[in-house]
């Protein structure tokens, strides 16, 4: 079983469409819920996306322009 982490990189992700750093990362799979994950979900930093993953799924979502982009990190 793969353990998913919610660690963020030190550099904030930037939306390639509008340049905003108000970006959330999609988390695929069955996450292990914790207080940290709940906080990041409520803050929009993590978006729980489900456990069915395809090759077309985005990795990130811009809360500013509402567009998805990038590839997920597995």
PDB file of N, CA and C in Angstrom:
ATOM      1  N   UNK A   1       0.832  -1.170   0.000  1.00  0.00           N
ATOM      2  CA  UNK A   1       0.000   0.000   0.000  1.00  0.00           C
ATOM      3  C   UNK A   1       0.884   1.243   0.000  1.00  0.00           C
ATOM      4  N   UNK A   2       0.574   2.201  -0.855  1.00  0.00           N
ATOM      5  CA  UNK A   2       1.346   3.428  -0.961  1.00  0.00           C
ATOM      6  C   UNK A   2       0.859   4.433   0.064  1.00  0.00           C
ATOM      7  N   UNK A   3       1.790   5.027   0.778  1.00  0.00           N
ATOM      8  CA  UNK A   3       1.435   6.050   1.750  1.00  0.00           C
ATOM      9  C   UNK A   3       1.512   7.408   1.061  1.00  0.00           C
ATOM     10  N   UNK A   4       0.410   8.148   1.119  1.00  0.00           N
ATOM     11  CA  UNK A   4       0.368   9.471   0.516  1.00  0.00           C
ATOM     12  C   UNK A   4       0.748  10.503   1.566  1.00  0.00           C
ATOM     13  N   UNK A   5       1.557  11.465   1.159  1.00  0.00           N
ATOM     14  CA  UNK A   5       1.920  12.534   2.073  1.00  0.00           C
ATOM     15  C   UNK A   5       1.339  13.843   1.564  1.00  0.00           C
ATOM     16  N   UNK A   6       1.258  14.809   2.450  1.00  0.00           N
ATOM     17  CA  UNK A   6       0.725  16.109   2.078  1.00  0.00           C
ATOM     18  C   UNK A   6       1.805  17.172   2.129  1.00  0.00           C
ATOM     19  N   UNK A   7       3.073  16.738   2.078  1.00  0.00           N
ATOM     20  CA  UNK A   7       4.170  17.689   2.140  1.00  0.00           C
ATOM     21  C   UNK A   7       4.154  18.579   0.909  1.00  0.00           C
ATOM     22  N   UNK A   8       4.401  19.849   1.135  1.00  0.00           N
ATOM     23  CA  UNK A   8       4.431  20.801   0.045  1.00  0.00           C
ATOM     24  C   UNK A   8       5.880  21.138  -0.270  1.00  0.00           C
ATOM     25  N   UNK A   9       6.125  21.546  -1.498  1.00  0.00           N
ATOM     26  CA  UNK A   9       7.462  21.982  -1.854  1.00  0.00           C
ATOM     27  C   UNK A   9       7.705  23.348  -1.231  1.00  0.00           C
ATOM     28  N   UNK A  10       8.954  23.750  -1.141  1.00  0.00           N
ATOM     29  CA  UNK A  10       9.269  25.036  -0.531  1.00  0.00           C
ATOM     30  C   UNK A  10       8.853  26.191  -1.442  1.00  0.00           C
ATOM     31  N   UNK A  11       8.860  25.999  -2.738  1.00  0.00           N
ATOM     32  CA  UNK A  11       8.447  27.033  -3.686  1.00  0.00           C
ATOM     33  C   UNK A  11       6.966  26.833  -4.017  1.00  0.00           C
ATOM     34  N   UNK A  12       6.127  27.865  -3.873  1.00  0.00           N
ATOM     35  CA  UNK A  12       4.705  27.684  -4.180  1.00  0.00           C
ATOM     36  C   UNK A  12       4.477  27.448  -5.676  1.00  0.00           C
ATOM     37  N   UNK A  13       3.493  26.614  -5.981  1.00  0.00           N
ATOM     38  CA  UNK A  13       3.138  26.325  -7.362  1.00  0.00           C
ATOM     39  C   UNK A  13       2.473  27.570  -7.947  1.00  0.00           C
ATOM     40  N   UNK A  14       2.795  27.886  -9.199  1.00  0.00           N
ATOM     41  CA  UNK A  14       2.220  29.029  -9.886  1.00  0.00           C
ATOM     42  C   UNK A  14       1.373  28.547 -11.052  1.00  0.00           C
ATOM     43  N   UNK A  15       0.186  29.103 -11.193  1.00  0.00           N
ATOM     44  CA  UNK A  15      -0.702  28.747 -12.289  1.00  0.00           C
ATOM     45  C   UNK A  15      -0.116  29.236 -13.611  1.00  0.00           C
ATOM     46  N   UNK A  16       0.009  28.356 -14.606  1.00  0.00           N
ATOM     47  CA  UNK A  16       0.554  28.780 -15.892  1.00  0.00           C
ATOM     48  C   UNK A  16      -0.431  29.633 -16.703  1.00  0.00           C
ATOM     49  N   UNK A  17      -1.687  29.661 -16.290  1.00  0.00           N
ATOM     50  CA  UNK A  17      -2.704  30.409 -17.029  1.00  0.00           C
ATOM     51  C   UNK A  17      -2.824  31.853 -16.555  1.00  0.00           C
ATOM     52  N   UNK A  18      -2.795  32.081 -15.224  1.00  0.00           N
ATOM     53  CA  UNK A  18      -3.006  33.437 -14.708  1.00  0.00           C
ATOM     54  C   UNK A  18      -1.875  33.931 -13.802  1.00  0.00           C
ATOM     55  N   UNK A  19      -0.941  33.052 -13.437  1.00  0.00           N
ATOM     56  CA  UNK A  19       0.190  33.447 -12.606  1.00  0.00           C
ATOM     57  C   UNK A  19      -0.083  33.447 -11.109  1.00  0.00           C
ATOM     58  N   UNK A  20      -1.276  33.056 -10.697  1.00  0.00           N
ATOM     59  CA  UNK A  20      -1.633  33.040  -9.282  1.00  0.00           C
ATOM     60  C   UNK A  20      -0.895  31.924  -8.543  1.00  0.00           C
ATOM     61  N   UNK A  21      -0.607  32.166  -7.273  1.00  0.00           N
ATOM     62  CA  UNK A  21      -0.050  31.108  -6.419  1.00  0.00           C
ATOM     63  C   UNK A  21      -1.133  30.530  -5.514  1.00  0.00           C
ATOM     64  N   UNK A  22      -2.380  30.913  -5.736  1.00  0.00           N
ATOM     65  CA  UNK A  22      -3.514  30.364  -4.983  1.00  0.00           C
ATOM     66  C   UNK A  22      -3.930  29.049  -5.643  1.00  0.00           C
ATOM     67  N   UNK A  23      -3.079  28.055  -5.469  1.00  0.00           N
ATOM     68  CA  UNK A  23      -3.185  26.782  -6.184  1.00  0.00           C
ATOM     69  C   UNK A  23      -3.328  25.634  -5.197  1.00  0.00           C
ATOM     70  N   UNK A  24      -4.203  24.685  -5.531  1.00  0.00           N
ATOM     71  CA  UNK A  24      -4.366  23.478  -4.734  1.00  0.00           C
ATOM     72  C   UNK A  24      -3.838  22.271  -5.482  1.00  0.00           C
ATOM     73  N   UNK A  25      -3.327  21.320  -4.735  1.00  0.00           N
ATOM     74  CA  UNK A  25      -2.786  20.086  -5.310  1.00  0.00           C
ATOM     75  C   UNK A  25      -3.823  18.984  -5.170  1.00  0.00           C
ATOM     76  N   UNK A  26      -4.093  18.274  -6.280  1.00  0.00           N
ATOM     77  CA  UNK A  26      -5.007  17.133  -6.221  1.00  0.00           C
ATOM     78  C   UNK A  26      -4.313  15.969  -5.541  1.00  0.00           C
ATOM     79  N   UNK A  27      -5.036  15.321  -4.643  1.00  0.00           N
ATOM     80  CA  UNK A  27      -4.538  14.133  -3.947  1.00  0.00           C
ATOM     81  C   UNK A  27      -5.407  12.954  -4.380  1.00  0.00           C
ATOM     82  N   UNK A  28      -4.798  12.009  -5.081  1.00  0.00           N
ATOM     83  CA  UNK A  28      -5.507  10.829  -5.566  1.00  0.00           C
ATOM     84  C   UNK A  28      -5.220   9.646  -4.655  1.00  0.00           C
ATOM     85  N   UNK A  29      -6.127   8.698  -4.660  1.00  0.00           N
ATOM     86  CA  UNK A  29      -5.943   7.502  -3.842  1.00  0.00           C
ATOM     87  C   UNK A  29      -6.768   7.572  -2.573  1.00  0.00           C
ATOM     88  N   UNK A  30      -6.470   6.699  -1.664  1.00  0.00           N
ATOM     89  CA  UNK A  30      -7.180   6.638  -0.388  1.00  0.00           C
ATOM     90  C   UNK A  30      -6.279   7.250   0.684  1.00  0.00           C
ATOM     91  N   UNK A  31      -6.475   8.537   0.999  1.00  0.00           N
ATOM     92  CA  UNK A  31      -5.581   9.177   1.956  1.00  0.00           C
ATOM     93  C   UNK A  31      -5.844   8.728   3.385  1.00  0.00           C
ATOM     94  N   UNK A  32      -4.817   8.807   4.185  1.00  0.00           N
ATOM     95  CA  UNK A  32      -4.935   8.577   5.612  1.00  0.00           C
ATOM     96  C   UNK A  32      -5.246   9.943   6.218  1.00  0.00           C
ATOM     97  N   UNK A  33      -6.454  10.083   6.751  1.00  0.00           N
ATOM     98  CA  UNK A  33      -6.863  11.388   7.262  1.00  0.00           C
ATOM     99  C   UNK A  33      -6.146  11.731   8.562  1.00  0.00           C
ATOM    100  N   UNK A  34      -5.774  12.988   8.655  1.00  0.00           N
ATOM    101  CA  UNK A  34      -5.122  13.514   9.850  1.00  0.00           C
ATOM    102  C   UNK A  34      -5.601  14.953  10.019  1.00  0.00           C
ATOM    103  N   UNK A  35      -5.267  15.549  11.131  1.00  0.00           N
ATOM    104  CA  UNK A  35      -5.610  16.958  11.341  1.00  0.00           C
ATOM    105  C   UNK A  35      -4.921  17.844  10.312  1.00  0.00           C
ATOM    106  N   UNK A  36      -3.675  17.510   9.984  1.00  0.00           N
ATOM    107  CA  UNK A  36      -2.924  18.268   8.984  1.00  0.00           C
ATOM    108  C   UNK A  36      -3.612  18.203   7.620  1.00  0.00           C
ATOM    109  N   UNK A  37      -4.032  17.003   7.212  1.00  0.00           N
ATOM    110  CA  UNK A  37      -4.716  16.857   5.926  1.00  0.00           C
ATOM    111  C   UNK A  37      -6.043  17.610   5.932  1.00  0.00           C
ATOM    112  N   UNK A  38      -6.775  17.542   7.022  1.00  0.00           N
ATOM    113  CA  UNK A  38      -8.050  18.251   7.109  1.00  0.00           C
ATOM    114  C   UNK A  38      -7.845  19.760   6.986  1.00  0.00           C
ATOM    115  N   UNK A  39      -6.842  20.303   7.663  1.00  0.00           N
ATOM    116  CA  UNK A  39      -6.554  21.730   7.581  1.00  0.00           C
ATOM    117  C   UNK A  39      -6.194  22.144   6.159  1.00  0.00           C
ATOM    118  N   UNK A  40      -5.341  21.357   5.502  1.00  0.00           N
ATOM    119  CA  UNK A  40      -4.923  21.687   4.143  1.00  0.00           C
ATOM    120  C   UNK A  40      -6.080  21.563   3.151  1.00  0.00           C
ATOM    121  N   UNK A  41      -6.992  20.636   3.417  1.00  0.00           N
ATOM    122  CA  UNK A  41      -8.179  20.496   2.572  1.00  0.00           C
ATOM    123  C   UNK A  41      -9.090  21.704   2.745  1.00  0.00           C
ATOM    124  N   UNK A  42      -9.310  22.108   3.966  1.00  0.00           N
ATOM    125  CA  UNK A  42     -10.159  23.271   4.234  1.00  0.00           C
ATOM    126  C   UNK A  42      -9.540  24.562   3.700  1.00  0.00           C
ATOM    127  N   UNK A  43      -8.207  24.652   3.712  1.00  0.00           N
ATOM    128  CA  UNK A  43      -7.503  25.823   3.190  1.00  0.00           C
ATOM    129  C   UNK A  43      -7.414  25.828   1.663  1.00  0.00           C
ATOM    130  N   UNK A  44      -7.768  24.703   1.018  1.00  0.00           N
ATOM    131  CA  UNK A  44      -7.696  24.614  -0.433  1.00  0.00           C
ATOM    132  C   UNK A  44      -6.334  24.237  -0.970  1.00  0.00           C
ATOM    133  N   UNK A  45      -5.393  23.922  -0.083  1.00  0.00           N
ATOM    134  CA  UNK A  45      -4.057  23.521  -0.527  1.00  0.00           C
ATOM    135  C   UNK A  45      -4.054  22.107  -1.077  1.00  0.00           C
ATOM    136  N   UNK A  46      -4.955  21.268  -0.561  1.00  0.00           N
ATOM    137  CA  UNK A  46      -5.114  19.884  -1.016  1.00  0.00           C
ATOM    138  C   UNK A  46      -6.559  19.698  -1.448  1.00  0.00           C
ATOM    139  N   UNK A  47      -6.746  19.038  -2.598  1.00  0.00           N
ATOM    140  CA  UNK A  47      -8.075  18.717  -3.098  1.00  0.00           C
ATOM    141  C   UNK A  47      -8.155  17.202  -3.234  1.00  0.00           C
ATOM    142  N   UNK A  48      -9.003  16.570  -2.447  1.00  0.00           N
ATOM    143  CA  UNK A  48      -9.133  15.117  -2.498  1.00  0.00           C
ATOM    144  C   UNK A  48      -9.922  14.762  -3.749  1.00  0.00           C
ATOM    145  N   UNK A  49      -9.313  13.956  -4.619  1.00  0.00           N
ATOM    146  CA  UNK A  49      -9.855  13.737  -5.956  1.00  0.00           C
ATOM    147  C   UNK A  49     -10.412  12.347  -6.201  1.00  0.00           C
ATOM    148  N   UNK A  50     -10.269  11.434  -5.273  1.00  0.00           N
ATOM    149  CA  UNK A  50     -10.796  10.095  -5.489  1.00  0.00           C
ATOM    150  C   UNK A  50      -9.704   9.093  -5.801  1.00  0.00           C
ATOM    151  N   UNK A  51     -10.116   7.860  -6.007  1.00  0.00           N
ATOM    152  CA  UNK A  51      -9.119   6.805  -6.163  1.00  0.00           C
ATOM    153  C   UNK A  51      -9.055   6.223  -7.579  1.00  0.00           C
ATOM    154  N   UNK A  52      -9.890   6.705  -8.483  1.00  0.00           N
ATOM    155  CA  UNK A  52      -9.803   6.247  -9.872  1.00  0.00           C
ATOM    156  C   UNK A  52      -8.972   7.276 -10.629  1.00  0.00           C
ATOM    157  N   UNK A  53      -7.807   6.855 -11.096  1.00  0.00           N
ATOM    158  CA  UNK A  53      -6.863   7.761 -11.737  1.00  0.00           C
ATOM    159  C   UNK A  53      -6.681   7.360 -13.189  1.00  0.00           C
ATOM    160  N   UNK A  54      -6.717   8.363 -14.080  1.00  0.00           N
ATOM    161  CA  UNK A  54      -6.477   8.119 -15.500  1.00  0.00           C
ATOM    162  C   UNK A  54      -5.268   8.943 -15.941  1.00  0.00           C
ATOM    163  N   UNK A  55      -4.860   8.774 -17.181  1.00  0.00           N
ATOM    164  CA  UNK A  55      -3.722   9.524 -17.716  1.00  0.00           C
ATOM    165  C   UNK A  55      -4.050  10.995 -17.956  1.00  0.00           C
ATOM    166  N   UNK A  56      -5.331  11.342 -17.949  1.00  0.00           N
ATOM    167  CA  UNK A  56      -5.749  12.718 -18.233  1.00  0.00           C
ATOM    168  C   UNK A  56      -6.037  13.543 -16.982  1.00  0.00           C
ATOM    169  N   UNK A  57      -5.824  12.997 -15.799  1.00  0.00           N
ATOM    170  CA  UNK A  57      -6.146  13.712 -14.576  1.00  0.00           C
ATOM    171  C   UNK A  57      -5.144  14.834 -14.307  1.00  0.00           C
ATOM    172  N   UNK A  58      -5.641  15.979 -13.831  1.00  0.00           N
ATOM    173  CA  UNK A  58      -4.741  17.096 -13.535  1.00  0.00           C
ATOM    174  C   UNK A  58      -4.046  16.909 -12.189  1.00  0.00           C
ATOM    175  N   UNK A  59      -2.966  17.631 -12.013  1.00  0.00           N
ATOM    176  CA  UNK A  59      -2.245  17.579 -10.749  1.00  0.00           C
ATOM    177  C   UNK A  59      -2.569  18.744  -9.834  1.00  0.00           C
ATOM    178  N   UNK A  60      -3.017  19.867 -10.443  1.00  0.00           N
ATOM    179  CA  UNK A  60      -3.237  21.080  -9.669  1.00  0.00           C
ATOM    180  C   UNK A  60      -4.487  21.810 -10.139  1.00  0.00           C
ATOM    181  N   UNK A  61      -5.022  22.662  -9.263  1.00  0.00           N
ATOM    182  CA  UNK A  61      -6.193  23.478  -9.582  1.00  0.00           C
ATOM    183  C   UNK A  61      -5.936  24.897  -9.097  1.00  0.00           C
ATOM    184  N   UNK A  62      -6.180  25.866  -9.987  1.00  0.00           N
ATOM    185  CA  UNK A  62      -6.024  27.270  -9.621  1.00  0.00           C
ATOM    186  C   UNK A  62      -7.353  27.777  -9.059  1.00  0.00           C
ATOM    187  N   UNK A  63      -7.329  28.265  -7.835  1.00  0.00           N
ATOM    188  CA  UNK A  63      -8.542  28.795  -7.216  1.00  0.00           C
ATOM    189  C   UNK A  63      -8.891  30.176  -7.772  1.00  0.00           C
ATOM    190  N   UNK A  64      -7.930  30.832  -8.424  1.00  0.00           N
ATOM    191  CA  UNK A  64      -8.152  32.161  -8.978  1.00  0.00           C
ATOM    192  C   UNK A  64      -8.904  32.078 -10.315  1.00  0.00           C
ATOM    193  N   UNK A  65      -8.359  31.357 -11.283  1.00  0.00           N
ATOM    194  CA  UNK A  65      -8.989  31.280 -12.615  1.00  0.00           C
ATOM    195  C   UNK A  65      -9.807  30.007 -12.812  1.00  0.00           C
ATOM    196  N   UNK A  66      -9.815  29.124 -11.796  1.00  0.00           N
ATOM    197  CA  UNK A  66     -10.627  27.896 -11.797  1.00  0.00           C
ATOM    198  C   UNK A  66     -10.207  26.882 -12.855  1.00  0.00           C
ATOM    199  N   UNK A  67      -8.948  26.919 -13.266  1.00  0.00           N
ATOM    200  CA  UNK A  67      -8.474  25.968 -14.284  1.00  0.00           C
ATOM    201  C   UNK A  67      -7.566  24.930 -13.651  1.00  0.00           C
ATOM    202  N   UNK A  68      -7.587  23.735 -14.236  1.00  0.00           N
ATOM    203  CA  UNK A  68      -6.704  22.640 -13.822  1.00  0.00           C
ATOM    204  C   UNK A  68      -5.474  22.648 -14.709  1.00  0.00           C
ATOM    205  N   UNK A  69      -4.367  22.131 -14.160  1.00  0.00           N
ATOM    206  CA  UNK A  69      -3.143  22.043 -14.948  1.00  0.00           C
ATOM    207  C   UNK A  69      -2.182  21.041 -14.334  1.00  0.00           C
ATOM    208  N   UNK A  70      -1.155  20.721 -15.073  1.00  0.00           N
ATOM    209  CA  UNK A  70      -0.095  19.838 -14.578  1.00  0.00           C
ATOM    210  C   UNK A  70      -0.505  18.388 -14.492  1.00  0.00           C
ATOM    211  N   UNK A  71       0.464  17.583 -14.147  1.00  0.00           N
ATOM    212  CA  UNK A  71       0.266  16.142 -13.963  1.00  0.00           C
ATOM    213  C   UNK A  71       0.357  15.797 -12.483  1.00  0.00           C
ATOM    214  N   UNK A  72      -0.404  14.802 -12.052  1.00  0.00           N
ATOM    215  CA  UNK A  72      -0.345  14.410 -10.636  1.00  0.00           C
ATOM    216  C   UNK A  72       0.994  13.780 -10.279  1.00  0.00           C
ATOM    217  N   UNK A  73       1.368  13.924  -9.024  1.00  0.00           N
ATOM    218  CA  UNK A  73       2.553  13.263  -8.483  1.00  0.00           C
ATOM    219  C   UNK A  73       2.072  12.008  -7.774  1.00  0.00           C
ATOM    220  N   UNK A  74       2.603  10.868  -8.159  1.00  0.00           N
ATOM    221  CA  UNK A  74       2.187   9.602  -7.548  1.00  0.00           C
ATOM    222  C   UNK A  74       3.197   9.127  -6.565  1.00  0.00           C
TER     223      UNK A  74
END
